């Protein structure tokens, strides 16, 4: 496994999932975290650590059992030792691929695994111009100019002032 900061678009597509934005953002180099892959150009599997989530996700899948064998070796000989050297005596992880599930769980078969369900809500509907919002609220596009509007509102509330491009 190779530690990398960012992957190319083809490599990103190999291991990311639409319903895992926290970890996909790290893979794309847009969010903070660490990432290890089996192949930089054409990854089958990745271990991604999210500082925000406080755990790891195992992304990707392979039909080649050797990929999981090498991943297991990396986990035992490198990752678990690295975590222990930092005083961490647990490994919290998730994985998205049902195809990879039996191979990943086999890696931890000699350990006690605690599981819990995780529920998430994703809304794919686009904003409709006809939506009714309560008085005093408005919907604005999340972009850089929107940031200035938020800062202006906060400064008005705190009797401050804002000059364009003062950040």
Protein backbone atom coordinates (compact mmCIF):
# COMPACT_ATOMS: atom_id res chain seq x y z
CA UNK A 1 0.00 0.00 0.00
CA UNK A 2 1.24 3.45 -0.93
CA UNK A 3 0.39 6.64 0.96
CA UNK A 4 -0.86 9.34 -1.42
CA UNK A 5 -2.35 12.83 -1.11
CA UNK A 6 -4.53 12.84 -4.22
CA UNK A 7 -5.44 10.61 -7.15
CA UNK A 8 -6.21 11.20 -10.82
CA UNK A 9 -9.85 11.22 -11.95
CA UNK A 10 -9.78 7.66 -13.35
CA UNK A 11 -8.24 6.35 -10.14
CA UNK A 12 -10.79 8.26 -8.05
CA UNK A 13 -13.65 6.66 -10.01
CA UNK A 14 -12.25 3.18 -9.27
CA UNK A 15 -12.67 3.44 -5.51
CA UNK A 16 -15.26 6.11 -4.67
CA UNK A 17 -18.99 5.87 -4.10
CA UNK A 18 -21.61 8.59 -4.48
CA UNK A 19 -23.00 7.91 -1.01
CA UNK A 20 -19.74 8.35 0.89
CA UNK A 21 -18.96 12.08 0.56
CA UNK A 22 -16.65 12.41 3.57
CA UNK A 23 -14.23 9.79 2.37
CA UNK A 24 -14.66 10.54 -1.35
CA UNK A 25 -13.63 14.15 -0.62
CA UNK A 26 -10.37 12.91 0.90
CA UNK A 27 -9.72 10.68 -2.11
CA UNK A 28 -10.24 13.69 -4.40
CA UNK A 29 -7.82 15.77 -2.30
CA UNK A 30 -10.54 18.23 -1.23
CA UNK A 31 -10.89 17.22 2.43
CA UNK A 32 -8.36 16.55 5.17
CA UNK A 33 -7.37 12.99 5.82
CA UNK A 34 -4.87 10.28 4.91
CA UNK A 35 -5.07 7.71 2.13
CA UNK A 36 -3.24 4.53 1.17
CA UNK A 37 -3.88 2.69 -2.11
CA UNK A 38 -2.66 -0.57 -3.61
CA UNK A 39 -1.90 1.07 -6.98
CA UNK A 40 -1.65 4.82 -7.65
CA UNK A 41 -2.72 4.66 -11.31
CA UNK A 42 -5.38 1.96 -11.07
CA UNK A 43 -6.33 1.33 -7.43
CA UNK A 44 -8.50 -1.62 -6.45
CA UNK A 45 -8.62 -0.87 -2.75
CA UNK A 46 -7.88 2.11 -0.52
CA UNK A 47 -7.70 2.76 3.19
CA UNK A 48 -8.86 6.29 3.93
CA UNK A 49 -8.59 8.00 7.33
CA UNK A 50 -10.91 10.91 8.07
CA UNK A 51 -10.02 13.33 10.84
CA UNK A 52 -13.60 14.67 10.82
CA UNK A 53 -15.20 11.22 11.07
CA UNK A 54 -12.58 9.91 13.48
CA UNK A 55 -12.15 6.61 11.71
CA UNK A 56 -11.27 4.79 8.53
CA UNK A 57 -13.11 3.61 5.46
CA UNK A 58 -12.02 0.81 3.19
CA UNK A 59 -12.98 1.78 -0.34
CA UNK A 60 -12.97 -0.19 -3.57
CA UNK A 61 -13.16 -3.88 -4.35
CA UNK A 62 -11.40 -6.54 -6.35
CA UNK A 63 -12.09 -10.00 -7.69
CA UNK A 64 -8.42 -10.84 -7.14
CA UNK A 65 -7.91 -12.47 -3.72
CA UNK A 66 -4.25 -11.37 -3.80
CA UNK A 67 -5.35 -7.72 -3.42
CA UNK A 68 -7.00 -8.55 -0.08
CA UNK A 69 -4.05 -10.69 0.99
CA UNK A 70 -1.64 -7.79 0.45
CA UNK A 71 -4.08 -5.42 2.17
CA UNK A 72 -4.22 -7.74 5.20
CA UNK A 73 -0.41 -7.81 5.36
CA UNK A 74 -0.32 -4.00 5.22
CA UNK A 75 -2.88 -3.74 8.01
CA UNK A 76 -1.08 -6.18 10.32
CA UNK A 77 2.52 -5.21 9.62
CA UNK A 78 2.10 -1.46 9.15
CA UNK A 79 -1.20 0.15 10.10
CA UNK A 80 -1.89 -1.62 13.40
CA UNK A 81 1.73 -1.07 14.50
CA UNK A 82 1.53 2.61 13.51
CA UNK A 83 -1.70 3.07 15.47
CA UNK A 84 -0.28 1.29 18.55
CA UNK A 85 2.83 3.50 18.45
CA UNK A 86 0.48 6.48 18.80
CA UNK A 87 -1.38 4.96 21.75
CA UNK A 88 -4.45 3.94 19.72
CA UNK A 89 -5.68 0.48 20.69
CA UNK A 90 -8.71 0.26 18.39
CA UNK A 91 -9.47 0.47 14.68
CA UNK A 92 -12.82 1.98 13.74
CA UNK A 93 -13.72 1.36 10.12
CA UNK A 94 -16.47 1.10 7.56
CA UNK A 95 -16.65 -0.23 4.03
CA UNK A 96 -19.06 0.44 1.21
CA UNK A 97 -18.68 -2.60 -1.04
CA UNK A 98 -20.80 -5.65 -0.30
CA UNK A 99 -18.53 -7.63 -2.67
CA UNK A 100 -15.51 -6.77 -0.50
CA UNK A 101 -17.36 -7.48 2.77
CA UNK A 102 -16.33 -11.14 3.29
CA UNK A 103 -12.69 -10.41 2.42
CA UNK A 104 -12.50 -7.39 4.73
CA UNK A 105 -14.20 -9.16 7.64
CA UNK A 106 -11.82 -12.10 7.23
CA UNK A 107 -8.90 -9.74 7.94
CA UNK A 108 -10.40 -9.09 11.38
CA UNK A 109 -11.73 -12.62 11.99
CA UNK A 110 -9.43 -13.18 14.99
CA UNK A 111 -10.55 -9.91 16.63
CA UNK A 112 -13.70 -8.94 18.48
CA UNK A 113 -15.73 -6.71 16.17
CA UNK A 114 -18.42 -4.45 17.53
CA UNK A 115 -20.94 -3.26 14.97
CA UNK A 116 -23.57 -0.59 14.83
CA UNK A 117 -26.02 0.63 12.23
CA UNK A 118 -25.45 4.00 10.65
CA UNK A 119 -28.31 5.93 9.18
CA UNK A 120 -27.89 8.76 6.73
CA UNK A 121 -30.20 11.00 4.78
CA UNK A 122 -29.45 12.11 1.25
CA UNK A 123 -31.71 14.41 -0.72
CA UNK A 124 -31.16 14.53 -4.45
CA UNK A 125 -33.94 16.97 -5.30
CA UNK A 126 -32.90 20.25 -6.89
CA UNK A 127 -34.04 23.57 -5.46
CA UNK A 128 -37.30 24.69 -7.02
CA UNK A 129 -37.93 28.39 -7.62
CA UNK A 130 -41.51 27.83 -6.42
CA UNK A 131 -40.60 26.67 -2.93
CA UNK A 132 -42.21 28.62 -0.09
CA UNK A 133 -39.81 29.62 2.65
CA UNK A 134 -40.66 31.40 5.92
CA UNK A 135 -40.31 35.18 6.18
CA UNK A 136 -36.84 36.25 7.23
CA UNK A 137 -35.12 33.39 5.39
CA UNK A 138 -33.69 33.15 1.91
CA UNK A 139 -32.02 30.45 -0.15
CA UNK A 140 -28.70 31.41 -1.70
CA UNK A 141 -26.28 29.42 -3.83
CA UNK A 142 -23.29 28.20 -1.81
CA UNK A 143 -20.38 29.96 -3.48
CA UNK A 144 -17.70 32.50 -2.60
CA UNK A 145 -20.00 35.54 -2.95
CA UNK A 146 -22.46 33.87 -0.57
CA UNK A 147 -19.69 33.80 2.02
CA UNK A 148 -19.47 37.60 1.87
CA UNK A 149 -23.23 37.86 2.48
CA UNK A 150 -22.94 35.64 5.56
CA UNK A 151 -19.97 37.64 6.86
CA UNK A 152 -21.85 40.91 6.27
CA UNK A 153 -24.82 39.63 8.27
CA UNK A 154 -22.58 38.50 11.11
CA UNK A 155 -20.74 41.82 11.17
CA UNK A 156 -24.00 43.76 11.20
CA UNK A 157 -25.13 41.68 14.17
CA UNK A 158 -21.86 42.40 15.96
CA UNK A 159 -21.68 46.10 14.95
CA UNK A 160 -18.64 45.41 12.79
CA UNK A 161 -17.94 46.30 9.20
CA UNK A 162 -16.69 44.48 6.13
CA UNK A 163 -14.50 45.64 3.27
CA UNK A 164 -14.55 43.74 -0.03
CA UNK A 165 -11.62 41.28 -0.38
CA UNK A 166 -10.46 41.85 3.19
CA UNK A 167 -9.92 38.14 3.86
